[in-house]
Amino acid sequence: MEFRKFGLQAIELFCISLILGSCVGSQSVKAPEIAILEQHLKDLTTSFHGDVGIFVKHLGTGQEIAINADSIFPTASMIKVPILLSLFSRIEQGALDYDSTLIWLPEIVDYPPGGMLSSFKDSSSISLTKLISLMITYSDNHASLWCQELAGGGTAINAWLAENNFQNTHMNSRTAGRTDDWEIYGWGQTTPREMAGLVRMIHENKAVSPWACEEMYRYLTRIFWDEEALSQIPRTVQVASKQGAVNDSRSEVVLVNAPKGEYVFCVITNNQEDQSWEADNEGFVLIRDVSRLLWDTWEITTQR
């Protein structure tokens, strides 16, 4: 009996040693891979005419790459992710009815005409869910500003961000005390690391509630603007994302539900010399190149 017991213990120890050995071996194999990937990403930024921040994290291995990832950049329309989170927080608290129908009046949003919502007839009805879709899927600014108010305004959004330890992400536009920051960064400000963290928080059901995360993640996978990072990922792969663009800044945050392991990344530029709006804009090209490099490295080149 004692011999059998000792034999089982020996087998267990042997199995554990094999597992630990394989883990150490895999880490030693992956270390050069991530170093090469980081160098390739740095190579993409060295000749860029402007400022660049990149954050990358492979959710399966925990590998991270950070290039100016904690520097503050403009969010442009990526600020709609914090609006979404704060809005669902209000819904979860019962301050808003998710199934409610709203009445559109042009005076609700003081913003120049353009986009889909501003073309609605006065007193048209729209469901809250469709309003959220306009904000996220089509990045409609009138819908987004209305959602910002429904979420409690910029002060409430910033409070939610602070409570959840996003110390560098702030709503600036139409927010008391944020005029100086608005003049520098526009609608909002963030870091590549924090913006990627917001999307990852939703993906992992850690924001607001599991139900809210389920709904928010689905909105983020229905993006109309797919010419940049999403264009480099096969159409059969689910991706959650949000894009931002103003004259001197282009940005995108992306979480890829990739077959060989999910990963998240965020690319933000600022002070771009190239302020054109064509497909070959230097910021757009950079985002596409980063997206293609990550996909090729982790889904095509890498053998797991």
C-alpha atoms as a PDB file:
ATOM      1  CA  MET A   1       0.000   0.000   0.000  1.00  0.00           C
ATOM      2  CA  GLU A   2       2.820   2.406   0.970  1.00  0.00           C
ATOM      3  CA  PHE A   3       4.640   1.537  -2.253  1.00  0.00           C
ATOM      4  CA  ARG A   4       1.561   2.277  -4.312  1.00  0.00           C
ATOM      5  CA  LYS A   5       1.099   5.572  -2.493  1.00  0.00           C
ATOM      6  CA  PHE A   6       4.719   6.525  -3.120  1.00  0.00           C
ATOM      7  CA  GLY A   7       4.324   5.537  -6.750  1.00  0.00           C
ATOM      8  CA  LEU A   8       1.337   7.812  -7.218  1.00  0.00           C
ATOM      9  CA  GLN A   9       3.171  10.707  -5.585  1.00  0.00           C
ATOM     10  CA  ALA A  10       6.150  10.137  -7.884  1.00  0.00           C
ATOM     11  CA  ILE A  11       3.894  10.140 -10.922  1.00  0.00           C
ATOM     12  CA  GLU A  12       2.202  13.358  -9.746  1.00  0.00           C
ATOM     13  CA  LEU A  13       5.553  15.056  -9.203  1.00  0.00           C
ATOM     14  CA  PHE A  14       6.765  13.871 -12.595  1.00  0.00           C
ATOM     15  CA  CYS A  15       3.664  15.268 -14.288  1.00  0.00           C
ATOM     16  CA  ILE A  16       4.027  18.593 -12.497  1.00  0.00           C
ATOM     17  CA  SER A  17       7.671  18.817 -13.548  1.00  0.00           C
ATOM     18  CA  LEU A  18       6.674  18.166 -17.159  1.00  0.00           C
ATOM     19  CA  ILE A  19       4.055  20.927 -17.016  1.00  0.00           C
ATOM     20  CA  LEU A  20       6.449  23.407 -15.427  1.00  0.00           C
ATOM     21  CA  GLY A  21       9.159  22.461 -17.873  1.00  0.00           C
ATOM     22  CA  SER A  22       6.869  22.990 -20.829  1.00  0.00           C
ATOM     23  CA  CYS A  23       5.793  26.371 -19.439  1.00  0.00           C
ATOM     24  CA  VAL A  24       9.392  27.513 -19.020  1.00  0.00           C
ATOM     25  CA  GLY A  25      10.216  26.220 -22.478  1.00  0.00           C
ATOM     26  CA  SER A  26       7.262  27.973 -24.072  1.00  0.00           C
ATOM     27  CA  GLN A  27       8.149  31.241 -22.371  1.00  0.00           C
ATOM     28  CA  SER A  28      11.726  31.002 -23.595  1.00  0.00           C
ATOM     29  CA  VAL A  29      10.464  30.409 -27.116  1.00  0.00           C
ATOM     30  CA  LYS A  30       7.984  33.279 -26.969  1.00  0.00           C
ATOM     31  CA  ALA A  31      10.389  35.841 -25.497  1.00  0.00           C
ATOM     32  CA  PRO A  32      12.326  36.372 -28.774  1.00  0.00           C
ATOM     33  CA  GLU A  33       9.032  36.447 -30.688  1.00  0.00           C
ATOM     34  CA  ILE A  34       7.644  39.359 -28.664  1.00  0.00           C
ATOM     35  CA  ALA A  35      10.976  41.189 -28.860  1.00  0.00           C
ATOM     36  CA  ILE A  36      10.957  40.930 -32.644  1.00  0.00           C
ATOM     37  CA  LEU A  37       7.339  42.078 -32.797  1.00  0.00           C
ATOM     38  CA  GLU A  38       8.126  45.062 -30.585  1.00  0.00           C
ATOM     39  CA  GLN A  39      11.020  46.041 -32.828  1.00  0.00           C
ATOM     40  CA  HIS A  40       8.807  45.822 -35.908  1.00  0.00           C
ATOM     41  CA  LEU A  41       6.251  48.091 -34.229  1.00  0.00           C
ATOM     42  CA  LYS A  42       8.964  50.567 -33.291  1.00  0.00           C
ATOM     43  CA  ASP A  43      10.187  50.511 -36.890  1.00  0.00           C
ATOM     44  CA  LEU A  44       6.705  51.546 -38.028  1.00  0.00           C
ATOM     45  CA  THR A  45       6.808  54.597 -35.749  1.00  0.00           C
ATOM     46  CA  THR A  46      10.350  55.858 -36.301  1.00  0.00           C
ATOM     47  CA  SER A  47       9.639  57.587 -39.607  1.00  0.00           C
ATOM     48  CA  PHE A  48       6.150  58.810 -38.619  1.00  0.00           C
ATOM     49  CA  HIS A  49       5.685  62.558 -38.905  1.00  0.00           C
ATOM     50  CA  GLY A  50       3.969  63.172 -35.581  1.00  0.00           C
ATOM     51  CA  ASP A  51       3.490  61.575 -32.162  1.00  0.00           C
ATOM     52  CA  VAL A  52       2.501  57.915 -31.806  1.00  0.00           C
ATOM     53  CA  GLY A  53       1.325  55.786 -28.904  1.00  0.00           C
ATOM     54  CA  ILE A  54       0.738  52.025 -29.141  1.00  0.00           C
ATOM     55  CA  PHE A  55      -0.391  49.477 -26.592  1.00  0.00           C
ATOM     56  CA  VAL A  56      -0.679  45.771 -27.411  1.00  0.00           C
ATOM     57  CA  LYS A  57      -1.655  42.849 -25.171  1.00  0.00           C
ATOM     58  CA  HIS A  58      -2.111  39.199 -26.067  1.00  0.00           C
ATOM     59  CA  LEU A  59      -4.827  38.002 -23.712  1.00  0.00           C
ATOM     60  CA  GLY A  60      -3.795  34.362 -23.899  1.00  0.00           C
ATOM     61  CA  THR A  61      -0.098  34.720 -23.069  1.00  0.00           C
ATOM     62  CA  GLY A  62      -0.212  38.038 -21.228  1.00  0.00           C
ATOM     63  CA  GLN A  63       2.484  39.451 -23.516  1.00  0.00           C
ATOM     64  CA  GLU A  64       2.465  43.252 -23.708  1.00  0.00           C
ATOM     65  CA  ILE A  65       4.111  45.876 -25.866  1.00  0.00           C
ATOM     66  CA  ALA A  66       3.971  49.523 -24.835  1.00  0.00           C
ATOM     67  CA  ILE A  67       5.271  52.363 -27.004  1.00  0.00           C
ATOM     68  CA  ASN A  68       4.381  55.712 -25.429  1.00  0.00           C
ATOM     69  CA  ALA A  69       1.398  53.774 -24.082  1.00  0.00           C
ATOM     70  CA  ASP A  70       1.016  55.965 -20.999  1.00  0.00           C
ATOM     71  CA  SER A  71       1.298  59.295 -22.811  1.00  0.00           C
ATOM     72  CA  ILE A  72      -1.880  61.349 -23.110  1.00  0.00           C
ATOM     73  CA  PHE A  73      -3.466  61.673 -26.548  1.00  0.00           C
ATOM     74  CA  PRO A  74      -6.774  62.991 -27.952  1.00  0.00           C
ATOM     75  CA  THR A  75      -9.557  60.428 -28.012  1.00  0.00           C
ATOM     76  CA  ALA A  76     -11.567  61.967 -30.844  1.00  0.00           C
ATOM     77  CA  SER A  77     -14.559  59.619 -31.243  1.00  0.00           C
ATOM     78  CA  MET A  78     -13.052  56.907 -29.046  1.00  0.00           C
ATOM     79  CA  ILE A  79     -14.507  58.942 -26.146  1.00  0.00           C
ATOM     80  CA  LYS A  80     -17.778  57.251 -27.104  1.00  0.00           C
ATOM     81  CA  VAL A  81     -16.571  54.129 -25.281  1.00  0.00           C
ATOM     82  CA  PRO A  82     -16.605  55.941 -21.885  1.00  0.00           C
ATOM     83  CA  ILE A  83     -19.974  57.464 -22.818  1.00  0.00           C
ATOM     84  CA  LEU A  84     -21.274  53.947 -23.503  1.00  0.00           C
ATOM     85  CA  LEU A  85     -19.998  52.659 -20.158  1.00  0.00           C
ATOM     86  CA  SER A  86     -21.461  55.515 -18.136  1.00  0.00           C
ATOM     87  CA  LEU A  87     -24.752  55.284 -20.031  1.00  0.00           C
ATOM     88  CA  PHE A  88     -25.104  51.587 -19.186  1.00  0.00           C
ATOM     89  CA  SER A  89     -24.203  52.355 -15.588  1.00  0.00           C
ATOM     90  CA  ARG A  90     -27.202  54.705 -15.464  1.00  0.00           C
ATOM     91  CA  ILE A  91     -29.393  52.050 -17.091  1.00  0.00           C
ATOM     92  CA  GLU A  92     -28.249  49.454 -14.553  1.00  0.00           C
ATOM     93  CA  GLN A  93     -29.033  51.869 -11.713  1.00  0.00           C
ATOM     94  CA  GLY A  94     -32.565  52.370 -13.039  1.00  0.00           C
ATOM     95  CA  ALA A  95     -32.076  56.029 -13.975  1.00  0.00           C
ATOM     96  CA  LEU A  96     -32.745  55.160 -17.626  1.00  0.00           C
ATOM     97  CA  ASP A  97     -35.045  52.597 -19.213  1.00  0.00           C
ATOM     98  CA  TYR A  98     -33.150  50.528 -21.783  1.00  0.00           C
ATOM     99  CA  ASP A  99     -36.393  49.936 -23.730  1.00  0.00           C
ATOM    100  CA  SER A 100     -37.446  53.584 -23.708  1.00  0.00           C
ATOM    101  CA  THR A 101     -38.435  55.623 -26.756  1.00  0.00           C
ATOM    102  CA  LEU A 102     -37.120  59.179 -27.052  1.00  0.00           C
ATOM    103  CA  ILE A 103     -38.317  62.179 -29.053  1.00  0.00           C
ATOM    104  CA  TRP A 104     -35.763  63.962 -31.219  1.00  0.00           C
ATOM    105  CA  LEU A 105     -35.811  67.745 -31.205  1.00  0.00           C
ATOM    106  CA  PRO A 106     -33.024  69.669 -32.998  1.00  0.00           C
ATOM    107  CA  GLU A 107     -32.492  71.930 -29.980  1.00  0.00           C
ATOM    108  CA  ILE A 108     -31.530  68.918 -27.830  1.00  0.00           C
ATOM    109  CA  VAL A 109     -28.013  68.978 -29.287  1.00  0.00           C
ATOM    110  CA  ASP A 110     -26.319  72.266 -30.115  1.00  0.00           C
ATOM    111  CA  TYR A 111     -24.024  71.036 -32.872  1.00  0.00           C
ATOM    112  CA  PRO A 112     -23.639  71.790 -36.600  1.00  0.00           C
ATOM    113  CA  PRO A 113     -25.866  69.698 -38.913  1.00  0.00           C
ATOM    114  CA  GLY A 114     -24.417  66.521 -40.363  1.00  0.00           C
ATOM    115  CA  GLY A 115     -24.732  62.833 -39.761  1.00  0.00           C
ATOM    116  CA  MET A 116     -27.818  60.676 -39.507  1.00  0.00           C
ATOM    117  CA  LEU A 117     -29.660  61.897 -36.423  1.00  0.00           C
ATOM    118  CA  SER A 118     -29.619  65.563 -37.474  1.00  0.00           C
ATOM    119  CA  SER A 119     -31.482  64.567 -40.640  1.00  0.00           C
ATOM    120  CA  PHE A 120     -34.438  63.231 -38.615  1.00  0.00           C
ATOM    121  CA  LYS A 121     -37.646  65.248 -38.744  1.00  0.00           C
ATOM    122  CA  ASP A 122     -38.509  67.379 -35.743  1.00  0.00           C
ATOM    123  CA  SER A 123     -40.358  65.305 -33.088  1.00  0.00           C
ATOM    124  CA  SER A 124     -39.336  61.984 -34.633  1.00  0.00           C
ATOM    125  CA  SER A 125     -39.254  59.067 -32.210  1.00  0.00           C
ATOM    126  CA  ILE A 126     -36.169  56.909 -31.712  1.00  0.00           C
ATOM    127  CA  SER A 127     -35.491  54.082 -29.279  1.00  0.00           C
ATOM    128  CA  LEU A 128     -32.593  54.385 -26.866  1.00  0.00           C
ATOM    129  CA  THR A 129     -31.075  51.224 -28.340  1.00  0.00           C
ATOM    130  CA  LYS A 130     -31.082  52.749 -31.839  1.00  0.00           C
ATOM    131  CA  LEU A 131     -29.589  55.955 -30.450  1.00  0.00           C
ATOM    132  CA  ILE A 132     -26.729  53.912 -28.955  1.00  0.00           C
ATOM    133  CA  SER A 133     -26.291  52.140 -32.286  1.00  0.00           C
ATOM    134  CA  LEU A 134     -25.971  55.475 -34.070  1.00  0.00           C
ATOM    135  CA  MET A 135     -23.303  56.527 -31.550  1.00  0.00           C
ATOM    136  CA  ILE A 136     -21.208  53.366 -31.717  1.00  0.00           C
ATOM    137  CA  THR A 137     -21.863  51.755 -35.099  1.00  0.00           C
ATOM    138  CA  TYR A 138     -21.941  54.934 -37.181  1.00  0.00           C
ATOM    139  CA  SER A 139     -20.141  57.268 -34.749  1.00  0.00           C
ATOM    140  CA  ASP A 140     -22.900  59.859 -35.207  1.00  0.00           C
ATOM    141  CA  ASN A 141     -21.908  62.948 -33.222  1.00  0.00           C
ATOM    142  CA  HIS A 142     -25.424  64.230 -32.560  1.00  0.00           C
ATOM    143  CA  ALA A 143     -26.392  60.826 -31.155  1.00  0.00           C
ATOM    144  CA  SER A 144     -23.202  60.758 -29.101  1.00  0.00           C
ATOM    145  CA  LEU A 145     -23.749  64.196 -27.573  1.00  0.00           C
ATOM    146  CA  TRP A 146     -27.309  63.219 -26.688  1.00  0.00           C
ATOM    147  CA  CYS A 147     -26.026  59.990 -25.112  1.00  0.00           C
ATOM    148  CA  GLN A 148     -23.438  62.033 -23.216  1.00  0.00           C
ATOM    149  CA  GLU A 149     -26.237  64.027 -21.600  1.00  0.00           C
ATOM    150  CA  LEU A 150     -28.324  60.909 -20.929  1.00  0.00           C
ATOM    151  CA  ALA A 151     -25.265  59.382 -19.243  1.00  0.00           C
ATOM    152  CA  GLY A 152     -25.262  62.271 -16.777  1.00  0.00           C
ATOM    153  CA  GLY A 153     -22.934  64.604 -18.646  1.00  0.00           C
ATOM    154  CA  GLY A 154     -19.181  64.859 -18.690  1.00  0.00           C
ATOM    155  CA  THR A 155     -18.831  65.185 -14.918  1.00  0.00           C
ATOM    156  CA  ALA A 156     -20.677  61.901 -14.319  1.00  0.00           C
ATOM    157  CA  ILE A 157     -18.674  60.150 -17.033  1.00  0.00           C
ATOM    158  CA  ASN A 158     -15.412  61.342 -15.505  1.00  0.00           C
ATOM    159  CA  ALA A 159     -16.586  60.194 -12.083  1.00  0.00           C
ATOM    160  CA  TRP A 160     -17.233  56.690 -13.440  1.00  0.00           C
ATOM    161  CA  LEU A 161     -13.767  56.633 -15.017  1.00  0.00           C
ATOM    162  CA  ALA A 162     -12.116  57.734 -11.775  1.00  0.00           C
ATOM    163  CA  GLU A 163     -14.058  55.188  -9.709  1.00  0.00           C
ATOM    164  CA  ASN A 164     -12.818  52.446 -12.039  1.00  0.00           C
ATOM    165  CA  ASN A 165      -9.165  53.576 -11.894  1.00  0.00           C
ATOM    166  CA  PHE A 166      -8.893  55.146 -15.328  1.00  0.00           C
ATOM    167  CA  GLN A 167      -6.913  58.128 -14.112  1.00  0.00           C
ATOM    168  CA  ASN A 168      -5.818  59.545 -17.479  1.00  0.00           C
ATOM    169  CA  THR A 169      -9.049  59.228 -19.443  1.00  0.00           C
ATOM    170  CA  HIS A 170     -11.380  62.219 -19.249  1.00  0.00           C
ATOM    171  CA  MET A 171     -14.340  63.781 -21.008  1.00  0.00           C
ATOM    172  CA  ASN A 172     -13.458  67.408 -21.801  1.00  0.00           C
ATOM    173  CA  SER A 173     -16.178  68.762 -24.088  1.00  0.00           C
ATOM    174  CA  ARG A 174     -19.198  70.340 -22.380  1.00  0.00           C
ATOM    175  CA  THR A 175     -17.730  69.456 -18.998  1.00  0.00           C
ATOM    176  CA  ALA A 176     -17.269  71.952 -16.183  1.00  0.00           C
ATOM    177  CA  GLY A 177     -13.655  72.652 -15.296  1.00  0.00           C
ATOM    178  CA  ARG A 178     -12.222  70.976 -18.415  1.00  0.00           C
ATOM    179  CA  THR A 179     -11.948  73.961 -20.784  1.00  0.00           C
ATOM    180  CA  ASP A 180      -8.141  74.086 -20.739  1.00  0.00           C
ATOM    181  CA  ASP A 181      -7.908  70.365 -21.513  1.00  0.00           C
ATOM    182  CA  TRP A 182     -10.553  70.694 -24.226  1.00  0.00           C
ATOM    183  CA  GLU A 183      -8.427  73.337 -25.951  1.00  0.00           C
ATOM    184  CA  ILE A 184      -5.482  70.899 -26.015  1.00  0.00           C
ATOM    185  CA  TYR A 185      -7.120  67.522 -26.617  1.00  0.00           C
ATOM    186  CA  GLY A 186     -10.642  68.220 -27.846  1.00  0.00           C
ATOM    187  CA  TRP A 187     -13.645  66.045 -26.907  1.00  0.00           C
ATOM    188  CA  GLY A 188     -11.654  63.725 -24.652  1.00  0.00           C
ATOM    189  CA  GLN A 189      -8.207  62.505 -23.669  1.00  0.00           C
ATOM    190  CA  THR A 190      -6.756  59.094 -22.868  1.00  0.00           C
ATOM    191  CA  THR A 191      -3.706  56.859 -23.128  1.00  0.00           C
ATOM    192  CA  PRO A 192      -3.399  53.847 -25.433  1.00  0.00           C
ATOM    193  CA  ARG A 193      -3.115  51.562 -22.379  1.00  0.00           C
ATOM    194  CA  GLU A 194      -6.273  52.895 -20.719  1.00  0.00           C
ATOM    195  CA  MET A 195      -8.400  52.883 -23.865  1.00  0.00           C
ATOM    196  CA  ALA A 196      -7.426  49.270 -24.511  1.00  0.00           C
ATOM    197  CA  GLY A 197      -8.222  48.564 -20.859  1.00  0.00           C
ATOM    198  CA  LEU A 198     -11.737  49.962 -21.202  1.00  0.00           C
ATOM    199  CA  VAL A 199     -12.579  47.630 -24.088  1.00  0.00           C
ATOM    200  CA  ARG A 200     -10.928  44.699 -22.340  1.00  0.00           C
ATOM    201  CA  MET A 201     -12.979  45.441 -19.201  1.00  0.00           C
ATOM    202  CA  ILE A 202     -16.160  45.121 -21.251  1.00  0.00           C
ATOM    203  CA  HIS A 203     -14.909  41.952 -22.948  1.00  0.00           C
ATOM    204  CA  GLU A 204     -14.177  40.317 -19.573  1.00  0.00           C
ATOM    205  CA  ASN A 205     -17.597  41.195 -18.073  1.00  0.00           C
ATOM    206  CA  LYS A 206     -15.981  43.443 -15.448  1.00  0.00           C
ATOM    207  CA  ALA A 207     -17.763  46.709 -16.292  1.00  0.00           C
ATOM    208  CA  VAL A 208     -21.152  47.651 -14.796  1.00  0.00           C
ATOM    209  CA  SER A 209     -22.655  44.123 -14.943  1.00  0.00           C
ATOM    210  CA  PRO A 210     -22.398  40.936 -17.044  1.00  0.00           C
ATOM    211  CA  TRP A 211     -25.632  41.876 -18.820  1.00  0.00           C
ATOM    212  CA  ALA A 212     -24.348  45.370 -19.600  1.00  0.00           C
ATOM    213  CA  CYS A 213     -21.056  43.969 -20.896  1.00  0.00           C
ATOM    214  CA  GLU A 214     -22.933  41.561 -23.146  1.00  0.00           C
ATOM    215  CA  GLU A 215     -24.910  44.412 -24.689  1.00  0.00           C
ATOM    216  CA  MET A 216     -21.989  46.841 -24.932  1.00  0.00           C
ATOM    217  CA  TYR A 217     -19.689  44.290 -26.537  1.00  0.00           C
ATOM    218  CA  ARG A 218     -22.282  43.502 -29.188  1.00  0.00           C
ATOM    219  CA  TYR A 219     -22.543  47.204 -30.068  1.00  0.00           C
ATOM    220  CA  LEU A 220     -18.750  47.390 -30.401  1.00  0.00           C
ATOM    221  CA  THR A 221     -18.711  44.475 -32.864  1.00  0.00           C
ATOM    222  CA  ARG A 222     -21.107  46.221 -35.287  1.00  0.00           C
ATOM    223  CA  ILE A 223     -18.820  48.925 -36.642  1.00  0.00           C
ATOM    224  CA  PHE A 224     -19.540  50.565 -39.970  1.00  0.00           C
ATOM    225  CA  TRP A 225     -16.116  52.245 -40.239  1.00  0.00           C
ATOM    226  CA  ASP A 226     -13.955  49.282 -41.218  1.00  0.00           C
ATOM    227  CA  GLU A 227     -11.393  50.751 -43.617  1.00  0.00           C
ATOM    228  CA  GLU A 228      -8.396  50.794 -41.277  1.00  0.00           C
ATOM    229  CA  ALA A 229      -7.552  48.185 -38.600  1.00  0.00           C
ATOM    230  CA  LEU A 230     -10.583  46.031 -39.384  1.00  0.00           C
ATOM    231  CA  SER A 231      -9.666  45.833 -43.068  1.00  0.00           C
ATOM    232  CA  GLN A 232      -6.554  43.833 -42.136  1.00  0.00           C
ATOM    233  CA  ILE A 233      -8.471  41.166 -40.203  1.00  0.00           C
ATOM    234  CA  PRO A 234     -10.435  38.415 -41.994  1.00  0.00           C
ATOM    235  CA  ARG A 235     -14.153  39.136 -42.232  1.00  0.00           C
ATOM    236  CA  THR A 236     -14.971  35.822 -40.548  1.00  0.00           C
ATOM    237  CA  VAL A 237     -13.268  36.881 -37.291  1.00  0.00           C
ATOM    238  CA  GLN A 238     -15.272  38.841 -34.704  1.00  0.00           C
ATOM    239  CA  VAL A 239     -13.736  42.165 -33.683  1.00  0.00           C
ATOM    240  CA  ALA A 240     -14.833  44.807 -31.154  1.00  0.00           C
ATOM    241  CA  SER A 241     -13.553  48.282 -31.945  1.00  0.00           C
ATOM    242  CA  LYS A 242     -13.976  52.048 -31.919  1.00  0.00           C
ATOM    243  CA  GLN A 243     -12.306  54.580 -34.167  1.00  0.00           C
ATOM    244  CA  GLY A 244     -11.442  58.252 -33.816  1.00  0.00           C
ATOM    245  CA  ALA A 245     -10.191  60.884 -36.245  1.00  0.00           C
ATOM    246  CA  VAL A 246      -9.646  64.630 -36.310  1.00  0.00           C
ATOM    247  CA  ASN A 247      -7.315  66.609 -38.555  1.00  0.00           C
ATOM    248  CA  ASP A 248      -4.073  65.947 -36.691  1.00  0.00           C
ATOM    249  CA  SER A 249      -4.946  62.724 -34.857  1.00  0.00           C
ATOM    250  CA  ARG A 250      -6.077  59.241 -35.973  1.00  0.00           C
ATOM    251  CA  SER A 251      -6.869  56.447 -33.536  1.00  0.00           C
ATOM    252  CA  GLU A 252      -8.393  53.027 -33.138  1.00  0.00           C
ATOM    253  CA  VAL A 253      -8.893  50.560 -30.296  1.00  0.00           C
ATOM    254  CA  VAL A 254      -9.451  46.939 -31.297  1.00  0.00           C
ATOM    255  CA  LEU A 255     -10.077  43.643 -29.503  1.00  0.00           C
ATOM    256  CA  VAL A 256      -9.726  40.651 -31.831  1.00  0.00           C
ATOM    257  CA  ASN A 257     -11.426  37.350 -30.982  1.00  0.00           C
ATOM    258  CA  ALA A 258      -8.681  35.553 -32.886  1.00  0.00           C
ATOM    259  CA  PRO A 259      -8.704  31.749 -33.262  1.00  0.00           C
ATOM    260  CA  LYS A 260      -5.202  31.254 -31.800  1.00  0.00           C
ATOM    261  CA  GLY A 261      -5.665  33.675 -28.938  1.00  0.00           C
ATOM    262  CA  GLU A 262      -7.477  36.951 -28.376  1.00  0.00           C
ATOM    263  CA  TYR A 263      -5.564  40.214 -28.334  1.00  0.00           C
ATOM    264  CA  VAL A 264      -6.269  43.904 -27.830  1.00  0.00           C
ATOM    265  CA  PHE A 265      -4.439  46.922 -29.187  1.00  0.00           C
ATOM    266  CA  CYS A 266      -4.781  50.668 -29.392  1.00  0.00           C
ATOM    267  CA  VAL A 267      -2.992  53.048 -31.745  1.00  0.00           C
ATOM    268  CA  ILE A 268      -3.255  56.824 -31.322  1.00  0.00           C
ATOM    269  CA  THR A 269      -1.444  59.585 -33.182  1.00  0.00           C
ATOM    270  CA  ASN A 270      -1.218  63.317 -32.525  1.00  0.00           C
ATOM    271  CA  ASN A 271       0.332  66.404 -34.104  1.00  0.00           C
ATOM    272  CA  GLN A 272       0.315  64.728 -37.494  1.00  0.00           C
ATOM    273  CA  GLU A 273       1.865  66.664 -40.344  1.00  0.00           C
ATOM    274  CA  ASP A 274      -0.386  64.800 -42.761  1.00  0.00           C
ATOM    275  CA  GLN A 275      -3.891  66.148 -42.161  1.00  0.00           C
ATOM    276  CA  SER A 276      -5.459  64.807 -45.335  1.00  0.00           C
ATOM    277  CA  TRP A 277      -8.575  62.627 -45.319  1.00  0.00           C
ATOM    278  CA  GLU A 278      -7.604  60.198 -48.041  1.00  0.00           C
ATOM    279  CA  ALA A 279      -6.940  56.474 -47.508  1.00  0.00           C
ATOM    280  CA  ASP A 280      -3.188  57.062 -47.731  1.00  0.00           C
ATOM    281  CA  ASN A 281      -3.153  59.462 -44.780  1.00  0.00           C
ATOM    282  CA  GLU A 282      -0.069  58.595 -42.730  1.00  0.00           C
ATOM    283  CA  GLY A 283      -2.117  57.902 -39.598  1.00  0.00           C
ATOM    284  CA  PHE A 284      -4.537  55.605 -41.410  1.00  0.00           C
ATOM    285  CA  VAL A 285      -1.638  53.738 -43.013  1.00  0.00           C
ATOM    286  CA  LEU A 286       0.028  53.276 -39.621  1.00  0.00           C
ATOM    287  CA  ILE A 287      -3.120  51.807 -38.088  1.00  0.00           C
ATOM    288  CA  ARG A 288      -3.508  49.381 -40.986  1.00  0.00           C
ATOM    289  CA  ASP A 289       0.160  48.375 -40.777  1.00  0.00           C
ATOM    290  CA  VAL A 290      -0.030  47.725 -37.026  1.00  0.00           C
ATOM    291  CA  SER A 291      -3.186  45.664 -37.408  1.00  0.00           C
ATOM    292  CA  ARG A 292      -1.688  43.586 -40.234  1.00  0.00           C
ATOM    293  CA  LEU A 293       1.574  43.044 -38.342  1.00  0.00           C
ATOM    294  CA  LEU A 294      -0.219  41.760 -35.236  1.00  0.00           C
ATOM    295  CA  TRP A 295      -2.482  39.440 -37.229  1.00  0.00           C
ATOM    296  CA  ASP A 296       0.389  38.042 -39.272  1.00  0.00           C
ATOM    297  CA  THR A 297       2.562  37.527 -36.194  1.00  0.00           C
ATOM    298  CA  TRP A 298       0.017  35.863 -33.933  1.00  0.00           C
ATOM    299  CA  GLU A 299      -2.274  34.139 -36.412  1.00  0.00           C
ATOM    300  CA  ILE A 300      -0.149  33.288 -39.457  1.00  0.00           C
ATOM    301  CA  THR A 301       3.563  33.254 -38.557  1.00  0.00           C
ATOM    302  CA  THR A 302       3.294  31.890 -35.032  1.00  0.00           C
ATOM    303  CA  GLN A 303       2.766  28.158 -34.650  1.00  0.00           C
ATOM    304  CA  ARG A 304       1.101  27.308 -31.335  1.00  0.00           C
END
